[in-house]
Protein backbone atom coordinates (compact mmCIF):
# COMPACT_ATOMS: atom_id res chain seq x y z
CA MET A 1 112.62 105.35 75.42
CA ASP A 2 112.22 107.72 78.37
CA LYS A 3 113.96 105.33 80.82
CA GLU A 4 117.02 107.69 81.14
CA LEU A 5 114.69 110.49 82.20
CA PHE A 6 112.86 108.64 84.93
CA ASP A 7 115.27 106.85 87.33
CA LYS A 8 113.06 104.47 89.30
CA GLN A 9 115.48 104.17 92.19
CA LYS A 10 115.69 107.96 92.52
CA GLN A 11 111.88 108.26 92.27
CA GLN A 12 111.44 105.79 95.10
CA LYS A 13 114.11 107.49 97.14
CA MET A 14 112.25 110.76 96.79
CA ARG A 15 108.97 109.24 97.88
CA GLU A 16 110.48 107.71 100.91
CA PHE A 17 112.30 110.94 101.82
CA PHE A 18 109.09 113.04 101.65
CA LEU A 19 107.10 110.55 103.72
CA ARG A 20 109.89 110.35 106.33
CA GLU A 21 110.70 114.13 106.55
CA LEU A 22 107.45 115.93 105.78
CA LYS A 23 104.42 113.76 106.54
CA ASP A 24 104.46 114.21 110.24
CA ILE A 25 104.76 118.04 110.19
CA GLY A 26 101.43 118.45 108.41
CA VAL A 27 97.74 118.11 109.06
CA ILE A 28 96.22 114.82 107.84
CA LYS A 29 93.28 115.05 105.63
CA TYR A 30 91.11 112.37 104.05
CA TYR A 31 89.30 112.37 100.73
CA GLU A 32 86.97 109.94 99.06
CA LYS A 33 87.33 108.75 95.50
CA ASN A 34 86.50 111.46 92.91
CA ASN A 35 86.52 114.26 95.52
CA LEU A 36 88.33 117.58 94.68
CA ILE A 37 91.35 118.18 96.89
CA THR A 38 91.60 121.75 97.90
CA SER A 39 94.46 123.80 99.54
CA PRO A 40 93.76 127.11 101.22
CA THR A 41 96.56 129.15 99.43
CA SER A 42 99.87 128.69 97.61
CA ASP A 43 101.38 129.01 101.09
CA TYR A 44 100.85 125.28 101.53
CA ILE A 45 102.17 122.14 100.02
CA ALA A 46 100.89 118.51 100.66
CA VAL A 47 102.39 114.94 100.66
CA VAL A 48 100.35 112.11 99.45
CA VAL A 49 100.26 109.67 102.26
CA ASP A 50 98.00 107.02 100.80
CA GLY A 51 95.92 106.63 97.61
CA LYS A 52 96.26 108.19 94.14
CA ILE A 53 95.63 111.69 92.96
CA LYS A 54 95.50 113.17 89.45
CA GLN A 55 96.43 116.79 88.80
CA THR A 56 94.23 118.11 86.02
CA LEU A 57 93.41 121.11 83.88
CA ILE A 58 89.70 121.52 83.17
CA SER A 59 88.40 123.76 80.28
CA ALA A 60 85.42 126.02 80.45
CA LYS A 61 83.50 123.36 78.61
CA GLY A 62 84.41 120.72 81.16
CA ILE A 63 87.08 118.93 79.12
CA SER A 64 89.81 117.44 81.26
CA LYS A 65 93.51 117.05 80.58
CA SER A 66 95.46 115.19 83.13
CA LEU A 67 99.00 116.36 83.71
CA TYR A 68 100.32 113.68 85.96
CA ILE A 69 99.34 111.06 88.64
CA LEU A 70 100.63 111.29 92.12
CA GLN A 71 101.25 108.38 94.36
CA PRO A 72 102.22 108.03 98.06
CA GLY A 73 105.31 110.06 98.82
CA GLU A 74 104.72 112.61 95.97
CA ILE A 75 104.02 116.34 96.41
CA ILE A 76 101.08 118.63 95.63
CA GLY A 77 101.61 122.28 95.31
CA GLU A 78 105.41 122.86 95.20
CA LEU A 79 105.25 124.65 91.88
CA ASP A 80 102.77 127.17 93.29
CA TYR A 81 104.55 127.52 96.52
CA PHE A 82 107.92 128.53 95.04
CA GLY A 83 106.63 130.19 91.89
CA GLY A 84 103.74 132.08 93.43
CA GLY A 85 100.23 132.39 92.09
CA ASP A 86 98.01 129.58 91.11
CA ILE A 87 97.97 127.65 87.74
CA HIS A 88 94.27 126.88 88.29
CA GLY A 89 94.76 123.15 88.13
CA SER A 90 92.62 120.68 90.05
CA SER A 91 93.72 117.83 92.23
CA ILE A 92 91.21 114.95 92.26
CA ALA A 93 91.33 111.79 94.26
CA MET A 94 91.40 108.74 91.99
CA THR A 95 91.03 106.45 95.09
CA ASN A 96 90.20 106.98 98.70
CA THR A 97 93.17 109.22 99.63
CA CYS A 98 95.04 110.56 102.55
CA ILE A 99 97.36 113.61 102.38
CA SER A 100 99.45 115.60 104.87
CA VAL A 101 98.98 119.42 104.36
CA ILE A 102 102.02 121.39 105.46
CA ASN A 103 101.74 125.18 106.07
CA LYS A 104 104.40 127.71 105.26
CA GLN A 105 105.71 128.11 108.89
CA ASN A 106 106.41 124.36 109.29
CA LEU A 107 107.80 123.98 105.84
CA GLU A 108 110.24 126.85 106.13
CA LYS A 109 111.39 125.49 109.48
CA ALA A 110 111.99 122.06 107.88
CA LEU A 111 113.80 123.62 104.90
CA LYS A 112 116.09 125.45 107.29
CA ASN A 113 116.80 122.37 109.35
CA ASN A 114 117.28 120.04 106.37
CA PRO A 115 118.37 121.68 103.12
CA ASP A 116 118.12 118.26 101.29
CA ILE A 117 114.41 118.98 101.13
CA TYR A 118 115.17 121.63 98.59
CA ARG A 119 117.01 119.09 96.40
CA TYR A 120 114.09 116.64 96.41
CA LEU A 121 111.47 119.40 95.82
CA LEU A 122 113.47 120.51 92.78
CA TYR A 123 113.65 116.93 91.58
CA SER A 124 109.90 116.62 92.01
CA SER A 125 109.33 119.78 89.97
CA SER A 126 111.72 118.83 87.20
CA ARG A 127 110.16 115.33 86.90
CA LYS A 128 106.65 116.87 86.49
CA PHE A 129 108.01 119.25 83.87
CA ARG A 130 109.52 116.33 81.88
CA ILE A 131 106.21 114.44 82.02
CA VAL A 132 104.26 117.36 80.64
CA MET A 133 106.94 118.15 78.03
CA LEU A 134 106.81 114.53 76.78
CA GLN A 135 103.01 114.66 76.66
CA MET A 136 103.15 117.79 74.48
CA GLU A 137 105.75 116.12 72.22
CA SER A 138 103.39 113.17 71.69
CA MET A 139 100.41 115.36 70.95
CA ALA A 140 102.35 117.40 68.49
CA PHE A 141 104.34 114.70 66.59
CA ASN A 142 102.52 111.37 66.84
CA ASP A 143 99.32 109.88 65.41
CA SER A 144 96.92 108.26 67.81
CA LEU A 145 98.62 104.80 67.91
CA GLY A 146 102.01 106.46 68.15
CA ALA A 147 100.87 108.72 71.06
CA LEU A 148 99.31 105.74 72.90
CA ALA A 149 102.41 103.71 72.43
CA LYS A 150 104.53 106.52 73.84
CA GLN A 151 102.25 106.96 76.75
CA ILE A 152 102.49 103.19 77.58
CA LEU A 153 106.26 103.39 77.31
CA ARG A 154 106.39 106.51 79.50
CA LEU A 155 104.37 104.80 82.19
CA SER A 156 106.58 101.72 81.88
CA SER A 157 109.76 103.98 82.49
CA GLN A 158 108.09 105.43 85.56
CA GLU A 159 106.11 102.47 87.12
CA GLY A 160 107.07 99.40 85.10
CA VAL A 161 107.90 96.13 86.91
CA LYS A 162 109.69 93.23 85.14
CA ARG A 163 107.88 89.94 85.21
CA ASP A 164 109.53 87.10 83.37
CA LYS A 165 109.60 88.18 79.73
CA ASP A 166 106.91 90.78 80.20
CA GLU A 167 106.75 94.15 81.91
CA ILE A 168 103.64 95.19 83.90
CA ILE A 169 102.79 98.85 84.61
CA ASP A 170 101.99 98.84 88.38
CA MET A 171 99.32 101.36 88.13
CA PRO A 172 95.65 100.38 87.35
CA LEU A 173 94.18 102.85 84.85
CA THR A 174 90.85 103.08 83.11
CA HIS A 175 90.65 103.95 79.42
CA GLN A 176 89.14 107.32 80.41
CA GLU A 177 92.17 107.98 82.73
CA LEU A 178 94.57 107.15 79.93
CA ALA A 179 92.56 109.40 77.51
CA GLU A 180 92.84 112.31 79.94
CA LEU A 181 96.64 111.88 80.23
CA MET A 182 96.92 111.87 76.42
CA GLY A 183 94.38 114.61 75.73
CA CYS A 184 92.28 112.55 73.44
CA SER A 185 88.89 110.62 73.61
CA ARG A 186 88.15 107.46 75.42
CA VAL A 187 87.11 105.89 72.15
CA THR A 188 90.58 106.62 70.69
CA VAL A 189 92.27 104.95 73.59
CA THR A 190 89.93 101.91 73.53
CA ARG A 191 90.52 101.47 69.81
CA GLY A 192 94.23 101.69 70.24
CA ILE A 193 94.29 99.30 73.28
CA ASN A 194 92.31 96.74 71.26
CA THR A 195 94.64 97.10 68.30
CA PHE A 196 97.72 96.50 70.45
CA LYS A 197 96.04 93.50 72.20
CA ASN A 198 94.99 91.92 68.93
CA LYS A 199 98.57 92.15 67.64
CA GLY A 200 100.02 90.65 70.76
CA ILE A 201 101.90 93.73 71.78
CA ILE A 202 100.17 94.32 75.14
CA ASP A 203 97.54 92.62 77.41
CA ILE A 204 95.47 93.96 80.29
CA GLU A 205 95.36 92.40 83.78
CA ASN A 206 93.14 94.01 86.56
CA LYS A 207 93.23 97.36 84.59
CA MET A 208 97.10 97.14 84.49
CA ILE A 209 98.90 97.19 81.13
CA VAL A 210 101.17 94.23 80.44
CA ILE A 211 103.81 94.99 77.79
CA LYS A 212 104.49 91.88 75.74
CA ASP A 213 106.58 93.42 72.95
CA LYS A 214 108.21 96.71 73.74
CA ASP A 215 110.19 96.91 70.51
CA ARG A 216 106.85 97.04 68.50
CA LEU A 217 105.59 99.85 70.73
CA VAL A 218 108.80 101.71 69.93
CA ASP A 219 108.14 101.15 66.16
CA TYR A 220 104.68 102.78 66.50
CA VAL A 221 106.33 105.87 68.20
CA LEU A 222 108.96 106.14 65.51
CA GLY A 223 106.29 105.86 62.78
């Protein structure tokens, strides 16, 4: 359903571009799984070199809402860099992770020498906006099963890989991580996953969702 909003070839081209053009002008830093990733100020951006990072909002009561998951070649901090200020989000390593942190001086020099960087940073920002917008749409207009179906379809449009008659989402996720993306409880996700599995709509392999019947997921979204 969201396939037209997330061009997989364009996403991959963006990731390859950032790794090629920006990785080597930054300072490499390593983080272990579950560690908080910090940046000194909004005068820096970072490129994910290896691993997986979730960008999250955390309430005063400690409730987490994940905004999006970043993979190698994706950017941390471009919204703060160009917009100014700090949205007070948290970047957390979901696996052992390596990033390249780029300061303002090096980034501005790179932007001057290669204006195509602006185009890809704009694409990165608009892609994140679309992800958050679609999450809000699901939270506002779908019941729990419909919201889960839409989240699975969204992940499929971003990271889905065809396999015979099925499609596998090439991103291992726990029920808790799915719940944080959806803004609901882990119990709600577990119940929904089991419902879809029992109906033969999806399966789970090594924490990756395998879509067996995409049309029935769409039916849940449409209500």
